[in-house]
Amino acid sequence: MYDIFEKLCAEKGVTPYRVCKETGLTTSTISNWKAGRYTPKTDKLQKIADFFGVSIEFLMGTDEKEESPIYYTNEETAKLAQEMFEDEDMRSLFHMKRTMPPERFKAHIEFMKNLYNQEKKENL
């Protein structure tokens, strides 16, 4: 069962530590699972399954037919989405977009664009 977890990590380009950080699990949970000391309880398996977008059954190896779901219509979109997911600053920007009034967010974007253009001119 841990081998499926490792395969999913490799497919998604994440480390077990990253999975722990994103799901709130302890590294000892994953270490003990890897060492074969025990299998995580259902609630922990569900967090891992949710992180990877698979079922617990797939994660446990009892549902061989299930594949990781494809959320994007093309490879470039999937790559960009993964990059944004892994970049804390990009996630922060998306969070602000969701929670700020539109006019305030637009002002922040304009500020960043102006700063970027100014830095770009200075580097010419």
PDB file of N, CA and C in Angstrom:
ATOM      1  N   MET A   1       0.823  -1.196   0.000  1.00  0.00           N
ATOM      2  CA  MET A   1       0.000   0.000   0.000  1.00  0.00           C
ATOM      3  C   MET A   1       0.864   1.256   0.000  1.00  0.00           C
ATOM      4  N   TYR A   2       1.968   1.273   0.739  1.00  0.00           N
ATOM      5  CA  TYR A   2       2.834   2.453   0.760  1.00  0.00           C
ATOM      6  C   TYR A   2       3.430   2.702  -0.621  1.00  0.00           C
ATOM      7  N   ASP A   3       3.624   1.631  -1.389  1.00  0.00           N
ATOM      8  CA  ASP A   3       4.178   1.803  -2.733  1.00  0.00           C
ATOM      9  C   ASP A   3       3.248   2.626  -3.619  1.00  0.00           C
ATOM     10  N   ILE A   4       1.956   2.523  -3.420  1.00  0.00           N
ATOM     11  CA  ILE A   4       1.004   3.345  -4.176  1.00  0.00           C
ATOM     12  C   ILE A   4       1.170   4.810  -3.772  1.00  0.00           C
ATOM     13  N   PHE A   5       1.351   5.048  -2.478  1.00  0.00           N
ATOM     14  CA  PHE A   5       1.596   6.400  -1.990  1.00  0.00           C
ATOM     15  C   PHE A   5       2.855   6.974  -2.633  1.00  0.00           C
ATOM     16  N   GLU A   6       3.921   6.189  -2.674  1.00  0.00           N
ATOM     17  CA  GLU A   6       5.177   6.642  -3.299  1.00  0.00           C
ATOM     18  C   GLU A   6       4.980   6.955  -4.778  1.00  0.00           C
ATOM     19  N   LYS A   7       4.233   6.107  -5.446  1.00  0.00           N
ATOM     20  CA  LYS A   7       3.966   6.314  -6.882  1.00  0.00           C
ATOM     21  C   LYS A   7       3.189   7.613  -7.082  1.00  0.00           C
ATOM     22  N   LEU A   8       2.187   7.851  -6.253  1.00  0.00           N
ATOM     23  CA  LEU A   8       1.404   9.088  -6.366  1.00  0.00           C
ATOM     24  C   LEU A   8       2.274  10.313  -6.098  1.00  0.00           C
ATOM     25  N   CYS A   9       3.163  10.218  -5.115  1.00  0.00           N
ATOM     26  CA  CYS A   9       4.090  11.320  -4.837  1.00  0.00           C
ATOM     27  C   CYS A   9       4.946  11.613  -6.060  1.00  0.00           C
ATOM     28  N   ALA A  10       5.467  10.562  -6.667  1.00  0.00           N
ATOM     29  CA  ALA A  10       6.318  10.736  -7.846  1.00  0.00           C
ATOM     30  C   ALA A  10       5.536  11.342  -9.005  1.00  0.00           C
ATOM     31  N   GLU A  11       4.315  10.866  -9.219  1.00  0.00           N
ATOM     32  CA  GLU A  11       3.482  11.384 -10.307  1.00  0.00           C
ATOM     33  C   GLU A  11       3.165  12.864 -10.115  1.00  0.00           C
ATOM     34  N   LYS A  12       2.930  13.255  -8.881  1.00  0.00           N
ATOM     35  CA  LYS A  12       2.573  14.646  -8.586  1.00  0.00           C
ATOM     36  C   LYS A  12       3.787  15.523  -8.317  1.00  0.00           C
ATOM     37  N   GLY A  13       4.952  14.900  -8.226  1.00  0.00           N
ATOM     38  CA  GLY A  13       6.170  15.668  -7.977  1.00  0.00           C
ATOM     39  C   GLY A  13       6.219  16.282  -6.587  1.00  0.00           C
ATOM     40  N   VAL A  14       5.727  15.540  -5.595  1.00  0.00           N
ATOM     41  CA  VAL A  14       5.740  16.022  -4.211  1.00  0.00           C
ATOM     42  C   VAL A  14       6.469  15.023  -3.322  1.00  0.00           C
ATOM     43  N   THR A  15       6.957  15.503  -2.206  1.00  0.00           N
ATOM     44  CA  THR A  15       7.629  14.643  -1.241  1.00  0.00           C
ATOM     45  C   THR A  15       6.635  14.214  -0.166  1.00  0.00           C
ATOM     46  N   PRO A  16       6.928  13.122   0.537  1.00  0.00           N
ATOM     47  CA  PRO A  16       6.068  12.744   1.659  1.00  0.00           C
ATOM     48  C   PRO A  16       5.961  13.876   2.690  1.00  0.00           C
ATOM     49  N   TYR A  17       7.056  14.601   2.893  1.00  0.00           N
ATOM     50  CA  TYR A  17       7.031  15.735   3.829  1.00  0.00           C
ATOM     51  C   TYR A  17       5.997  16.765   3.384  1.00  0.00           C
ATOM     52  N   ARG A  18       5.965  17.042   2.087  1.00  0.00           N
ATOM     53  CA  ARG A  18       4.999  18.015   1.553  1.00  0.00           C
ATOM     54  C   ARG A  18       3.563  17.531   1.786  1.00  0.00           C
ATOM     55  N   VAL A  19       3.334  16.244   1.587  1.00  0.00           N
ATOM     56  CA  VAL A  19       2.005  15.683   1.828  1.00  0.00           C
ATOM     57  C   VAL A  19       1.621  15.898   3.292  1.00  0.00           C
ATOM     58  N   CYS A  20       2.567  15.632   4.194  1.00  0.00           N
ATOM     59  CA  CYS A  20       2.303  15.832   5.624  1.00  0.00           C
ATOM     60  C   CYS A  20       1.971  17.292   5.907  1.00  0.00           C
ATOM     61  N   LYS A  21       2.745  18.177   5.359  1.00  0.00           N
ATOM     62  CA  LYS A  21       2.549  19.607   5.585  1.00  0.00           C
ATOM     63  C   LYS A  21       1.183  20.065   5.087  1.00  0.00           C
ATOM     64  N   GLU A  22       0.790  19.595   3.911  1.00  0.00           N
ATOM     65  CA  GLU A  22      -0.471  20.017   3.304  1.00  0.00           C
ATOM     66  C   GLU A  22      -1.695  19.366   3.953  1.00  0.00           C
ATOM     67  N   THR A  23      -1.521  18.178   4.520  1.00  0.00           N
ATOM     68  CA  THR A  23      -2.663  17.449   5.083  1.00  0.00           C
ATOM     69  C   THR A  23      -2.758  17.541   6.608  1.00  0.00           C
ATOM     70  N   GLY A  24      -1.691  18.011   7.234  1.00  0.00           N
ATOM     71  CA  GLY A  24      -1.689  18.080   8.693  1.00  0.00           C
ATOM     72  C   GLY A  24      -1.283  16.782   9.368  1.00  0.00           C
ATOM     73  N   LEU A  25      -0.828  15.810   8.594  1.00  0.00           N
ATOM     74  CA  LEU A  25      -0.368  14.553   9.178  1.00  0.00           C
ATOM     75  C   LEU A  25       1.050  14.715   9.706  1.00  0.00           C
ATOM     76  N   THR A  26       1.425  13.859  10.623  1.00  0.00           N
ATOM     77  CA  THR A  26       2.791  13.905  11.151  1.00  0.00           C
ATOM     78  C   THR A  26       3.704  13.080  10.254  1.00  0.00           C
ATOM     79  N   THR A  27       4.965  13.449  10.236  1.00  0.00           N
ATOM     80  CA  THR A  27       5.925  12.680   9.448  1.00  0.00           C
ATOM     81  C   THR A  27       6.089  11.274  10.021  1.00  0.00           C
ATOM     82  N   SER A  28       5.868  11.119  11.331  1.00  0.00           N
ATOM     83  CA  SER A  28       5.986   9.781  11.928  1.00  0.00           C
ATOM     84  C   SER A  28       4.893   8.846  11.401  1.00  0.00           C
ATOM     85  N   THR A  29       3.723   9.396  11.077  1.00  0.00           N
ATOM     86  CA  THR A  29       2.666   8.571  10.498  1.00  0.00           C
ATOM     87  C   THR A  29       3.147   7.951   9.197  1.00  0.00           C
ATOM     88  N   ILE A  30       3.748   8.778   8.347  1.00  0.00           N
ATOM     89  CA  ILE A  30       4.231   8.290   7.052  1.00  0.00           C
ATOM     90  C   ILE A  30       5.438   7.368   7.246  1.00  0.00           C
ATOM     91  N   SER A  31       6.343   7.736   8.151  1.00  0.00           N
ATOM     92  CA  SER A  31       7.531   6.904   8.405  1.00  0.00           C
ATOM     93  C   SER A  31       7.147   5.520   8.905  1.00  0.00           C
ATOM     94  N   ASN A  32       6.214   5.461   9.843  1.00  0.00           N
ATOM     95  CA  ASN A  32       5.771   4.171  10.383  1.00  0.00           C
ATOM     96  C   ASN A  32       5.051   3.346   9.323  1.00  0.00           C
ATOM     97  N   TRP A  33       4.321   4.021   8.456  1.00  0.00           N
ATOM     98  CA  TRP A  33       3.631   3.341   7.362  1.00  0.00           C
ATOM     99  C   TRP A  33       4.663   2.757   6.405  1.00  0.00           C
ATOM    100  N   LYS A  34       5.660   3.550   6.065  1.00  0.00           N
ATOM    101  CA  LYS A  34       6.720   3.089   5.155  1.00  0.00           C
ATOM    102  C   LYS A  34       7.463   1.889   5.744  1.00  0.00           C
ATOM    103  N   ALA A  35       7.734   1.953   7.048  1.00  0.00           N
ATOM    104  CA  ALA A  35       8.469   0.875   7.716  1.00  0.00           C
ATOM    105  C   ALA A  35       7.604  -0.365   7.952  1.00  0.00           C
ATOM    106  N   GLY A  36       6.315  -0.269   7.661  1.00  0.00           N
ATOM    107  CA  GLY A  36       5.420  -1.406   7.839  1.00  0.00           C
ATOM    108  C   GLY A  36       4.984  -1.624   9.271  1.00  0.00           C
ATOM    109  N   ARG A  37       5.199  -0.626  10.131  1.00  0.00           N
ATOM    110  CA  ARG A  37       4.800  -0.760  11.540  1.00  0.00           C
ATOM    111  C   ARG A  37       3.290  -0.740  11.699  1.00  0.00           C
ATOM    112  N   TYR A  38       2.641   0.089  10.876  1.00  0.00           N
ATOM    113  CA  TYR A  38       1.176   0.096  10.871  1.00  0.00           C
ATOM    114  C   TYR A  38       0.661   0.823   9.642  1.00  0.00           C
ATOM    115  N   THR A  39      -0.617   0.635   9.401  1.00  0.00           N
ATOM    116  CA  THR A  39      -1.304   1.335   8.319  1.00  0.00           C
ATOM    117  C   THR A  39      -2.068   2.497   8.941  1.00  0.00           C
ATOM    118  N   PRO A  40      -1.989   3.688   8.343  1.00  0.00           N
ATOM    119  CA  PRO A  40      -2.734   4.820   8.906  1.00  0.00           C
ATOM    120  C   PRO A  40      -4.223   4.514   9.017  1.00  0.00           C
ATOM    121  N   LYS A  41      -4.850   5.108  10.018  1.00  0.00           N
ATOM    122  CA  LYS A  41      -6.288   4.938  10.211  1.00  0.00           C
ATOM    123  C   LYS A  41      -7.039   5.592   9.064  1.00  0.00           C
ATOM    124  N   THR A  42      -8.306   5.240   8.948  1.00  0.00           N
ATOM    125  CA  THR A  42      -9.134   5.691   7.835  1.00  0.00           C
ATOM    126  C   THR A  42      -9.152   7.202   7.671  1.00  0.00           C
ATOM    127  N   ASP A  43      -9.239   7.946   8.785  1.00  0.00           N
ATOM    128  CA  ASP A  43      -9.298   9.407   8.665  1.00  0.00           C
ATOM    129  C   ASP A  43      -8.015   9.969   8.047  1.00  0.00           C
ATOM    130  N   LYS A  44      -6.887   9.366   8.391  1.00  0.00           N
ATOM    131  CA  LYS A  44      -5.607   9.814   7.831  1.00  0.00           C
ATOM    132  C   LYS A  44      -5.480   9.381   6.370  1.00  0.00           C
ATOM    133  N   LEU A  45      -5.913   8.172   6.075  1.00  0.00           N
ATOM    134  CA  LEU A  45      -5.897   7.712   4.688  1.00  0.00           C
ATOM    135  C   LEU A  45      -6.778   8.597   3.822  1.00  0.00           C
ATOM    136  N   GLN A  46      -7.902   9.046   4.379  1.00  0.00           N
ATOM    137  CA  GLN A  46      -8.802   9.913   3.620  1.00  0.00           C
ATOM    138  C   GLN A  46      -8.134  11.241   3.287  1.00  0.00           C
ATOM    139  N   LYS A  47      -7.380  11.785   4.233  1.00  0.00           N
ATOM    140  CA  LYS A  47      -6.658  13.034   3.969  1.00  0.00           C
ATOM    141  C   LYS A  47      -5.649  12.852   2.841  1.00  0.00           C
ATOM    142  N   ILE A  48      -4.952  11.722   2.865  1.00  0.00           N
ATOM    143  CA  ILE A  48      -3.967  11.440   1.814  1.00  0.00           C
ATOM    144  C   ILE A  48      -4.676  11.244   0.476  1.00  0.00           C
ATOM    145  N   ALA A  49      -5.751  10.468   0.498  1.00  0.00           N
ATOM    146  CA  ALA A  49      -6.513  10.224  -0.734  1.00  0.00           C
ATOM    147  C   ALA A  49      -7.051  11.534  -1.305  1.00  0.00           C
ATOM    148  N   ASP A  50      -7.577  12.381  -0.444  1.00  0.00           N
ATOM    149  CA  ASP A  50      -8.095  13.675  -0.895  1.00  0.00           C
ATOM    150  C   ASP A  50      -6.987  14.528  -1.491  1.00  0.00           C
ATOM    151  N   PHE A  51      -5.829  14.505  -0.872  1.00  0.00           N
ATOM    152  CA  PHE A  51      -4.697  15.282  -1.374  1.00  0.00           C
ATOM    153  C   PHE A  51      -4.366  14.890  -2.815  1.00  0.00           C
ATOM    154  N   PHE A  52      -4.399  13.580  -3.096  1.00  0.00           N
ATOM    155  CA  PHE A  52      -4.043  13.098  -4.417  1.00  0.00           C
ATOM    156  C   PHE A  52      -5.241  12.988  -5.362  1.00  0.00           C
ATOM    157  N   GLY A  53      -6.437  13.190  -4.833  1.00  0.00           N
ATOM    158  CA  GLY A  53      -7.626  13.094  -5.678  1.00  0.00           C
ATOM    159  C   GLY A  53      -7.964  11.672  -6.081  1.00  0.00           C
ATOM    160  N   VAL A  54      -7.734  10.735  -5.167  1.00  0.00           N
ATOM    161  CA  VAL A  54      -8.068   9.335  -5.414  1.00  0.00           C
ATOM    162  C   VAL A  54      -8.934   8.832  -4.264  1.00  0.00           C
ATOM    163  N   SER A  55      -9.461   7.640  -4.409  1.00  0.00           N
ATOM    164  CA  SER A  55     -10.253   7.049  -3.332  1.00  0.00           C
ATOM    165  C   SER A  55      -9.335   6.333  -2.344  1.00  0.00           C
ATOM    166  N   ILE A  56      -9.859   6.084  -1.155  1.00  0.00           N
ATOM    167  CA  ILE A  56      -9.105   5.293  -0.173  1.00  0.00           C
ATOM    168  C   ILE A  56      -8.850   3.902  -0.744  1.00  0.00           C
ATOM    169  N   GLU A  57      -9.834   3.363  -1.449  1.00  0.00           N
ATOM    170  CA  GLU A  57      -9.697   2.027  -2.017  1.00  0.00           C
ATOM    171  C   GLU A  57      -8.520   1.970  -2.989  1.00  0.00           C
ATOM    172  N   PHE A  58      -8.386   3.017  -3.804  1.00  0.00           N
ATOM    173  CA  PHE A  58      -7.260   3.059  -4.736  1.00  0.00           C
ATOM    174  C   PHE A  58      -5.946   3.141  -3.965  1.00  0.00           C
ATOM    175  N   LEU A  59      -5.918   4.011  -2.949  1.00  0.00           N
ATOM    176  CA  LEU A  59      -4.719   4.184  -2.137  1.00  0.00           C
ATOM    177  C   LEU A  59      -4.324   2.880  -1.440  1.00  0.00           C
ATOM    178  N   MET A  60      -5.314   2.097  -1.025  1.00  0.00           N
ATOM    179  CA  MET A  60      -5.051   0.833  -0.339  1.00  0.00           C
ATOM    180  C   MET A  60      -4.766  -0.311  -1.319  1.00  0.00           C
ATOM    181  N   GLY A  61      -4.962  -0.055  -2.605  1.00  0.00           N
ATOM    182  CA  GLY A  61      -4.685  -1.080  -3.598  1.00  0.00           C
ATOM    183  C   GLY A  61      -5.814  -2.047  -3.837  1.00  0.00           C
ATOM    184  N   THR A  62      -7.010  -1.713  -3.353  1.00  0.00           N
ATOM    185  CA  THR A  62      -8.148  -2.609  -3.553  1.00  0.00           C
ATOM    186  C   THR A  62      -8.987  -2.218  -4.754  1.00  0.00           C
ATOM    187  N   ASP A  63      -8.705  -1.072  -5.367  1.00  0.00           N
ATOM    188  CA  ASP A  63      -9.428  -0.619  -6.556  1.00  0.00           C
ATOM    189  C   ASP A  63      -8.402  -0.349  -7.644  1.00  0.00           C
ATOM    190  N   GLU A  64      -7.999  -1.384  -8.321  1.00  0.00           N
ATOM    191  CA  GLU A  64      -6.936  -1.295  -9.319  1.00  0.00           C
ATOM    192  C   GLU A  64      -7.340  -0.496 -10.551  1.00  0.00           C
ATOM    193  N   LYS A  65      -8.635  -0.390 -10.814  1.00  0.00           N
ATOM    194  CA  LYS A  65      -9.078   0.256 -12.041  1.00  0.00           C
ATOM    195  C   LYS A  65      -9.033   1.767 -11.969  1.00  0.00           C
ATOM    196  N   GLU A  66      -9.139   2.321 -10.793  1.00  0.00           N
ATOM    197  CA  GLU A  66      -9.204   3.774 -10.674  1.00  0.00           C
ATOM    198  C   GLU A  66      -7.866   4.403 -11.032  1.00  0.00           C
ATOM    199  N   GLU A  67      -7.926   5.449 -11.755  1.00  0.00           N
ATOM    200  CA  GLU A  67      -6.748   6.227 -12.110  1.00  0.00           C
ATOM    201  C   GLU A  67      -6.852   7.571 -11.415  1.00  0.00           C
ATOM    202  N   SER A  68      -5.742   8.261 -11.309  1.00  0.00           N
ATOM    203  CA  SER A  68      -5.777   9.618 -10.806  1.00  0.00           C
ATOM    204  C   SER A  68      -6.628  10.435 -11.763  1.00  0.00           C
ATOM    205  N   PRO A  69      -7.569  11.217 -11.233  1.00  0.00           N
ATOM    206  CA  PRO A  69      -8.445  11.970 -12.124  1.00  0.00           C
ATOM    207  C   PRO A  69      -7.674  13.040 -12.897  1.00  0.00           C
ATOM    208  N   ILE A  70      -8.138  13.305 -14.097  1.00  0.00           N
ATOM    209  CA  ILE A  70      -7.547  14.360 -14.915  1.00  0.00           C
ATOM    210  C   ILE A  70      -8.486  15.549 -14.833  1.00  0.00           C
ATOM    211  N   TYR A  71      -7.976  16.635 -14.310  1.00  0.00           N
ATOM    212  CA  TYR A  71      -8.799  17.815 -14.132  1.00  0.00           C
ATOM    213  C   TYR A  71      -8.642  18.819 -15.254  1.00  0.00           C
ATOM    214  N   TYR A  72      -7.618  18.678 -16.054  1.00  0.00           N
ATOM    215  CA  TYR A  72      -7.303  19.688 -17.057  1.00  0.00           C
ATOM    216  C   TYR A  72      -7.361  19.094 -18.441  1.00  0.00           C
ATOM    217  N   THR A  73      -7.722  19.937 -19.398  1.00  0.00           N
ATOM    218  CA  THR A  73      -7.893  19.455 -20.761  1.00  0.00           C
ATOM    219  C   THR A  73      -6.585  19.331 -21.524  1.00  0.00           C
ATOM    220  N   ASN A  74      -5.539  19.976 -21.028  1.00  0.00           N
ATOM    221  CA  ASN A  74      -4.264  19.836 -21.722  1.00  0.00           C
ATOM    222  C   ASN A  74      -3.109  19.857 -20.729  1.00  0.00           C
ATOM    223  N   GLU A  75      -1.983  19.377 -21.200  1.00  0.00           N
ATOM    224  CA  GLU A  75      -0.809  19.207 -20.341  1.00  0.00           C
ATOM    225  C   GLU A  75      -0.268  20.542 -19.817  1.00  0.00           C
ATOM    226  N   GLU A  76      -0.283  21.572 -20.655  1.00  0.00           N
ATOM    227  CA  GLU A  76       0.241  22.875 -20.243  1.00  0.00           C
ATOM    228  C   GLU A  76      -0.570  23.456 -19.077  1.00  0.00           C
ATOM    229  N   THR A  77      -1.891  23.322 -19.144  1.00  0.00           N
ATOM    230  CA  THR A  77      -2.736  23.812 -18.062  1.00  0.00           C
ATOM    231  C   THR A  77      -2.457  23.052 -16.776  1.00  0.00           C
ATOM    232  N   ALA A  78      -2.300  21.749 -16.876  1.00  0.00           N
ATOM    233  CA  ALA A  78      -1.990  20.940 -15.698  1.00  0.00           C
ATOM    234  C   ALA A  78      -0.656  21.355 -15.094  1.00  0.00           C
ATOM    235  N   LYS A  79       0.335  21.607 -15.949  1.00  0.00           N
ATOM    236  CA  LYS A  79       1.653  22.023 -15.474  1.00  0.00           C
ATOM    237  C   LYS A  79       1.572  23.372 -14.754  1.00  0.00           C
ATOM    238  N   LEU A  80       0.871  24.328 -15.348  1.00  0.00           N
ATOM    239  CA  LEU A  80       0.717  25.643 -14.720  1.00  0.00           C
ATOM    240  C   LEU A  80      -0.021  25.545 -13.388  1.00  0.00           C
ATOM    241  N   ALA A  81      -1.076  24.742 -13.361  1.00  0.00           N
ATOM    242  CA  ALA A  81      -1.837  24.581 -12.117  1.00  0.00           C
ATOM    243  C   ALA A  81      -0.968  23.977 -11.024  1.00  0.00           C
ATOM    244  N   GLN A  82      -0.148  22.993 -11.377  1.00  0.00           N
ATOM    245  CA  GLN A  82       0.732  22.376 -10.386  1.00  0.00           C
ATOM    246  C   GLN A  82       1.758  23.374  -9.878  1.00  0.00           C
ATOM    247  N   GLU A  83       2.337  24.163 -10.793  1.00  0.00           N
ATOM    248  CA  GLU A  83       3.307  25.180 -10.389  1.00  0.00           C
ATOM    249  C   GLU A  83       2.680  26.192  -9.445  1.00  0.00           C
ATOM    250  N   MET A  84       1.463  26.608  -9.765  1.00  0.00           N
ATOM    251  CA  MET A  84       0.781  27.568  -8.895  1.00  0.00           C
ATOM    252  C   MET A  84       0.470  26.955  -7.536  1.00  0.00           C
ATOM    253  N   PHE A  85       0.073  25.694  -7.534  1.00  0.00           N
ATOM    254  CA  PHE A  85      -0.235  25.013  -6.282  1.00  0.00           C
ATOM    255  C   PHE A  85       0.993  24.919  -5.387  1.00  0.00           C
ATOM    256  N   GLU A  86       2.145  24.672  -5.989  1.00  0.00           N
ATOM    257  CA  GLU A  86       3.368  24.490  -5.217  1.00  0.00           C
ATOM    258  C   GLU A  86       4.012  25.802  -4.782  1.00  0.00           C
ATOM    259  N   ASP A  87       3.603  26.920  -5.362  1.00  0.00           N
ATOM    260  CA  ASP A  87       4.186  28.223  -5.057  1.00  0.00           C
ATOM    261  C   ASP A  87       3.310  28.949  -4.030  1.00  0.00           C
ATOM    262  N   GLU A  88       3.839  29.098  -2.830  1.00  0.00           N
ATOM    263  CA  GLU A  88       3.076  29.712  -1.740  1.00  0.00           C
ATOM    264  C   GLU A  88       2.620  31.131  -2.084  1.00  0.00           C
ATOM    265  N   ASP A  89       3.463  31.891  -2.790  1.00  0.00           N
ATOM    266  CA  ASP A  89       3.089  33.247  -3.171  1.00  0.00           C
ATOM    267  C   ASP A  89       1.923  33.254  -4.152  1.00  0.00           C
ATOM    268  N   MET A  90       1.925  32.322  -5.089  1.00  0.00           N
ATOM    269  CA  MET A  90       0.811  32.244  -6.049  1.00  0.00           C
ATOM    270  C   MET A  90      -0.482  31.841  -5.339  1.00  0.00           C
ATOM    271  N   ARG A  91      -0.376  30.895  -4.415  1.00  0.00           N
ATOM    272  CA  ARG A  91      -1.568  30.506  -3.655  1.00  0.00           C
ATOM    273  C   ARG A  91      -2.091  31.690  -2.859  1.00  0.00           C
ATOM    274  N   SER A  92      -1.176  32.473  -2.312  1.00  0.00           N
ATOM    275  CA  SER A  92      -1.552  33.659  -1.556  1.00  0.00           C
ATOM    276  C   SER A  92      -2.271  34.663  -2.456  1.00  0.00           C
ATOM    277  N   LEU A  93      -1.776  34.837  -3.664  1.00  0.00           N
ATOM    278  CA  LEU A  93      -2.392  35.750  -4.620  1.00  0.00           C
ATOM    279  C   LEU A  93      -3.813  35.289  -4.968  1.00  0.00           C
ATOM    280  N   PHE A  94      -3.988  34.002  -5.200  1.00  0.00           N
ATOM    281  CA  PHE A  94      -5.317  33.470  -5.491  1.00  0.00           C
ATOM    282  C   PHE A  94      -6.256  33.640  -4.297  1.00  0.00           C
ATOM    283  N   HIS A  95      -5.730  33.448  -3.107  1.00  0.00           N
ATOM    284  CA  HIS A  95      -6.546  33.640  -1.904  1.00  0.00           C
ATOM    285  C   HIS A  95      -7.016  35.094  -1.812  1.00  0.00           C
ATOM    286  N   MET A  96      -6.113  36.024  -2.076  1.00  0.00           N
ATOM    287  CA  MET A  96      -6.490  37.442  -2.041  1.00  0.00           C
ATOM    288  C   MET A  96      -7.551  37.737  -3.093  1.00  0.00           C
ATOM    289  N   LYS A  97      -7.395  37.155  -4.268  1.00  0.00           N
ATOM    290  CA  LYS A  97      -8.362  37.362  -5.350  1.00  0.00           C
ATOM    291  C   LYS A  97      -9.750  36.903  -4.918  1.00  0.00           C
ATOM    292  N   ARG A  98      -9.804  35.795  -4.209  1.00  0.00           N
ATOM    293  CA  ARG A  98     -11.099  35.257  -3.766  1.00  0.00           C
ATOM    294  C   ARG A  98     -11.734  36.071  -2.646  1.00  0.00           C
ATOM    295  N   THR A  99     -10.900  36.675  -1.802  1.00  0.00           N
ATOM    296  CA  THR A  99     -11.443  37.288  -0.586  1.00  0.00           C
ATOM    297  C   THR A  99     -11.506  38.812  -0.608  1.00  0.00           C
ATOM    298  N   MET A 100     -10.749  39.469  -1.464  1.00  0.00           N
ATOM    299  CA  MET A 100     -10.729  40.935  -1.509  1.00  0.00           C
ATOM    300  C   MET A 100     -11.843  41.475  -2.386  1.00  0.00           C
ATOM    301  N   PRO A 101     -12.301  42.675  -2.056  1.00  0.00           N
ATOM    302  CA  PRO A 101     -13.220  43.338  -2.996  1.00  0.00           C
ATOM    303  C   PRO A 101     -12.493  43.535  -4.330  1.00  0.00           C
ATOM    304  N   PRO A 102     -13.178  43.365  -5.452  1.00  0.00           N
ATOM    305  CA  PRO A 102     -12.528  43.431  -6.764  1.00  0.00           C
ATOM    306  C   PRO A 102     -11.719  44.705  -7.007  1.00  0.00           C
ATOM    307  N   GLU A 103     -12.229  45.840  -6.597  1.00  0.00           N
ATOM    308  CA  GLU A 103     -11.511  47.093  -6.834  1.00  0.00           C
ATOM    309  C   GLU A 103     -10.207  47.166  -6.042  1.00  0.00           C
ATOM    310  N   ARG A 104     -10.216  46.598  -4.863  1.00  0.00           N
ATOM    311  CA  ARG A 104      -8.997  46.592  -4.053  1.00  0.00           C
ATOM    312  C   ARG A 104      -7.951  45.648  -4.647  1.00  0.00           C
ATOM    313  N   PHE A 105      -8.397  44.471  -5.091  1.00  0.00           N
ATOM    314  CA  PHE A 105      -7.480  43.535  -5.719  1.00  0.00           C
ATOM    315  C   PHE A 105      -6.876  44.146  -6.980  1.00  0.00           C
ATOM    316  N   LYS A 106      -7.719  44.815  -7.783  1.00  0.00           N
ATOM    317  CA  LYS A 106      -7.237  45.461  -8.996  1.00  0.00           C
ATOM    318  C   LYS A 106      -6.156  46.495  -8.661  1.00  0.00           C
ATOM    319  N   ALA A 107      -6.324  47.247  -7.584  1.00  0.00           N
ATOM    320  CA  ALA A 107      -5.317  48.234  -7.170  1.00  0.00           C
ATOM    321  C   ALA A 107      -4.002  47.543  -6.816  1.00  0.00           C
ATOM    322  N   HIS A 108      -4.077  46.397  -6.160  1.00  0.00           N
ATOM    323  CA  HIS A 108      -2.863  45.635  -5.822  1.00  0.00           C
ATOM    324  C   HIS A 108      -2.152  45.155  -7.089  1.00  0.00           C
ATOM    325  N   ILE A 109      -2.922  44.662  -8.051  1.00  0.00           N
ATOM    326  CA  ILE A 109      -2.343  44.182  -9.305  1.00  0.00           C
ATOM    327  C   ILE A 109      -1.684  45.342 -10.058  1.00  0.00           C
ATOM    328  N   GLU A 110      -2.350  46.469 -10.108  1.00  0.00           N
ATOM    329  CA  GLU A 110      -1.779  47.645 -10.786  1.00  0.00           C
ATOM    330  C   GLU A 110      -0.474  48.066 -10.118  1.00  0.00           C
ATOM    331  N   PHE A 111      -0.439  48.027  -8.802  1.00  0.00           N
ATOM    332  CA  PHE A 111       0.784  48.373  -8.077  1.00  0.00           C
ATOM    333  C   PHE A 111       1.921  47.426  -8.457  1.00  0.00           C
ATOM    334  N   MET A 112       1.622  46.127  -8.491  1.00  0.00           N
ATOM    335  CA  MET A 112       2.656  45.140  -8.841  1.00  0.00           C
ATOM    336  C   MET A 112       3.116  45.327 -10.281  1.00  0.00           C
ATOM    337  N   LYS A 113       2.192  45.589 -11.187  1.00  0.00           N
ATOM    338  CA  LYS A 113       2.567  45.815 -12.586  1.00  0.00           C
ATOM    339  C   LYS A 113       3.469  47.037 -12.711  1.00  0.00           C
ATOM    340  N   ASN A 114       3.114  48.122 -12.051  1.00  0.00           N
ATOM    341  CA  ASN A 114       3.926  49.335 -12.096  1.00  0.00           C
ATOM    342  C   ASN A 114       5.320  49.085 -11.531  1.00  0.00           C
ATOM    343  N   LEU A 115       5.389  48.400 -10.427  1.00  0.00           N
ATOM    344  CA  LEU A 115       6.676  48.079  -9.814  1.00  0.00           C
ATOM    345  C   LEU A 115       7.512  47.204 -10.751  1.00  0.00           C
ATOM    346  N   TYR A 116       6.877  46.216 -11.341  1.00  0.00           N
ATOM    347  CA  TYR A 116       7.571  45.324 -12.279  1.00  0.00           C
ATOM    348  C   TYR A 116       8.113  46.112 -13.467  1.00  0.00           C
ATOM    349  N   ASN A 117       7.284  46.975 -14.061  1.00  0.00           N
ATOM    350  CA  ASN A 117       7.716  47.774 -15.215  1.00  0.00           C
ATOM    351  C   ASN A 117       8.846  48.721 -14.848  1.00  0.00           C
ATOM    352  N   GLN A 118       8.775  49.260 -13.662  1.00  0.00           N
ATOM    353  CA  GLN A 118       9.831  50.160 -13.195  1.00  0.00           C
ATOM    354  C   GLN A 118      11.156  49.400 -13.042  1.00  0.00           C
ATOM    355  N   GLU A 119      11.112  48.228 -12.439  1.00  0.00           N
ATOM    356  CA  GLU A 119      12.314  47.405 -12.273  1.00  0.00           C
ATOM    357  C   GLU A 119      12.858  46.963 -13.621  1.00  0.00           C
ATOM    358  N   LYS A 120      11.967  46.652 -14.553  1.00  0.00           N
ATOM    359  CA  LYS A 120      12.369  46.209 -15.880  1.00  0.00           C
ATOM    360  C   LYS A 120      13.135  47.339 -16.600  1.00  0.00           C
ATOM    361  N   LYS A 121      12.653  48.580 -16.477  1.00  0.00           N
ATOM    362  CA  LYS A 121      13.326  49.731 -17.099  1.00  0.00           C
ATOM    363  C   LYS A 121      14.698  49.963 -16.482  1.00  0.00           C
ATOM    364  N   GLU A 122      14.801  49.768 -15.180  1.00  0.00           N
ATOM    365  CA  GLU A 122      16.073  49.978 -14.484  1.00  0.00           C
ATOM    366  C   GLU A 122      17.121  48.946 -14.902  1.00  0.00           C
ATOM    367  N   ASN A 123      16.681  47.775 -15.315  1.00  0.00           N
ATOM    368  CA  ASN A 123      17.606  46.700 -15.687  1.00  0.00           C
ATOM    369  C   ASN A 123      17.989  46.729 -17.162  1.00  0.00           C
ATOM    370  N   LEU A 124      17.467  47.659 -17.925  1.00  0.00           N
ATOM    371  CA  LEU A 124      17.821  47.742 -19.361  1.00  0.00           C
ATOM    372  C   LEU A 124      19.160  48.358 -19.580  1.00  0.00           C
TER     373      LEU A 124
END
